[in-house]
């Protein structure tokens, strides 16, 4: 009696072609004031087993603008800048990888728009 091929007997290439990414619409409902934007101009990452802590902070723009001027004049730069922690987000590695892909697409789109603007305006 001939053997019937099983799903696991398929070549890897065929199995990979069958698995297609499917987009799913997701709506996040705000809780308390979570829909209010948080302004951040500084980020820091701290990695721990299984998760990454992403700290979004805010440093005073006036102070940031003054630093190059003080350095250029030969003045003493502060050893430490004090800012405010705006929010800390903890994400698993899979969510960080997804965020990386999303940020890559945003940056590629911004770069393409900037290059298109330069070519069109020249």
Protein backbone atom coordinates (compact mmCIF):
# COMPACT_ATOMS: atom_id res chain seq x y z
CA UNK A 1 0.00 0.00 0.00
CA UNK A 2 1.53 3.37 -1.02
CA UNK A 3 2.34 5.81 1.73
CA UNK A 4 0.31 9.03 1.83
CA UNK A 5 2.49 12.12 2.21
CA UNK A 6 1.98 13.91 5.52
CA UNK A 7 2.08 17.65 6.15
CA UNK A 8 5.41 17.36 7.95
CA UNK A 9 6.87 15.62 4.88
CA UNK A 10 6.55 18.81 2.79
CA UNK A 11 9.80 20.50 1.84
CA UNK A 12 10.69 23.45 4.04
CA UNK A 13 10.40 25.89 1.12
CA UNK A 14 6.81 24.83 0.37
CA UNK A 15 5.83 25.07 4.04
CA UNK A 16 7.33 28.56 4.29
CA UNK A 17 5.37 29.72 1.24
CA UNK A 18 2.11 28.58 2.83
CA UNK A 19 2.73 30.71 5.93
CA UNK A 20 1.85 34.26 4.96
CA UNK A 21 1.76 37.23 7.27
CA UNK A 22 -1.80 38.27 7.94
CA UNK A 23 -2.53 41.78 9.14
CA UNK A 24 -5.15 42.19 11.83
CA UNK A 25 -6.76 45.46 12.80
CA UNK A 26 -6.32 46.23 16.48
CA UNK A 27 -8.02 49.04 18.36
CA UNK A 28 -6.66 50.05 21.74
CA UNK A 29 -9.18 51.63 24.09
CA UNK A 30 -7.78 54.38 26.32
CA UNK A 31 -7.75 53.90 30.08
CA UNK A 32 -7.73 56.93 32.40
CA UNK A 33 -5.42 59.46 30.69
CA UNK A 34 -3.52 56.96 28.55
CA UNK A 35 -4.68 58.64 25.34
CA UNK A 36 -2.89 61.87 26.27
CA UNK A 37 0.43 62.26 24.43
CA UNK A 38 3.65 62.20 26.42
CA UNK A 39 6.50 64.35 25.14
CA UNK A 40 9.93 62.74 25.19
CA UNK A 41 13.22 63.79 23.63
CA UNK A 42 15.43 61.16 25.26
CA UNK A 43 15.30 57.36 25.42
CA UNK A 44 17.29 54.75 27.32
CA UNK A 45 17.11 50.96 27.09
CA UNK A 46 17.81 48.48 29.88
CA UNK A 47 17.78 44.79 29.03
CA UNK A 48 16.93 42.08 31.50
CA UNK A 49 16.12 38.41 31.01
CA UNK A 50 13.00 38.15 28.85
CA UNK A 51 12.22 41.86 28.69
CA UNK A 52 13.48 45.30 27.79
CA UNK A 53 12.78 48.44 29.82
CA UNK A 54 12.35 51.47 27.55
CA UNK A 55 12.60 54.76 29.45
CA UNK A 56 11.25 57.84 27.71
CA UNK A 57 12.49 61.04 29.28
CA UNK A 58 12.37 64.77 28.79
CA UNK A 59 15.40 67.07 28.92
CA UNK A 60 14.82 70.83 28.85
CA UNK A 61 15.37 72.04 25.25
CA UNK A 62 16.96 75.30 26.42
CA UNK A 63 19.61 73.40 28.30
CA UNK A 64 20.26 71.10 25.35
CA UNK A 65 20.62 74.09 23.03
CA UNK A 66 23.07 75.76 25.42
CA UNK A 67 25.46 72.79 25.64
CA UNK A 68 27.14 73.24 22.23
CA UNK A 69 27.54 76.96 22.87
CA UNK A 70 29.18 76.37 26.28
CA UNK A 71 31.47 73.70 24.77
CA UNK A 72 32.44 76.00 21.88
CA UNK A 73 33.33 78.80 24.31
CA UNK A 74 35.48 76.40 26.35
CA UNK A 75 33.18 76.47 29.35
CA UNK A 76 32.75 73.60 31.75
CA UNK A 77 30.07 71.13 30.74
CA UNK A 78 27.92 69.60 33.46
CA UNK A 79 28.86 66.09 34.54
CA UNK A 80 25.20 65.09 34.60
CA UNK A 81 21.98 66.34 33.09
CA UNK A 82 18.81 66.07 35.11
CA UNK A 83 15.65 65.32 33.23
CA UNK A 84 12.24 63.90 33.95
CA UNK A 85 11.19 60.32 33.37
CA UNK A 86 8.08 60.69 31.21
CA UNK A 87 7.16 57.01 31.05
CA UNK A 88 8.76 53.57 31.41
CA UNK A 89 7.55 50.83 29.10
CA UNK A 90 8.47 47.18 29.62
CA UNK A 91 8.31 44.98 26.53
CA UNK A 92 9.14 41.38 25.72
CA UNK A 93 11.72 40.61 23.06
CA UNK A 94 9.02 39.78 20.50
CA UNK A 95 7.35 43.17 21.01
CA UNK A 96 10.74 44.91 20.74
CA UNK A 97 11.39 43.10 17.44
CA UNK A 98 7.97 44.21 16.19
CA UNK A 99 8.67 47.80 17.29
CA UNK A 100 12.01 47.65 15.47
CA UNK A 101 10.26 46.63 12.24
CA UNK A 102 7.66 49.37 12.60
CA UNK A 103 10.28 52.05 13.31
CA UNK A 104 12.31 50.83 10.32
CA UNK A 105 9.29 51.27 8.04
CA UNK A 106 8.60 54.75 9.44
CA UNK A 107 12.22 55.83 8.98
CA UNK A 108 12.34 54.42 5.44
CA UNK A 109 9.14 56.31 4.60
CA UNK A 110 10.50 59.54 6.08
CA UNK A 111 13.77 59.11 4.19
CA UNK A 112 11.91 58.49 0.92
CA UNK A 113 9.70 61.55 1.49
CA UNK A 114 12.75 63.70 2.28
CA UNK A 115 14.59 62.49 -0.83
CA UNK A 116 11.50 63.03 -2.98
CA UNK A 117 11.17 66.57 -1.61
CA UNK A 118 14.82 67.32 -2.41
CA UNK A 119 14.48 66.05 -5.99
CA UNK A 120 11.18 67.86 -6.56
CA UNK A 121 12.39 71.14 -5.08
CA UNK A 122 15.76 71.22 -6.88
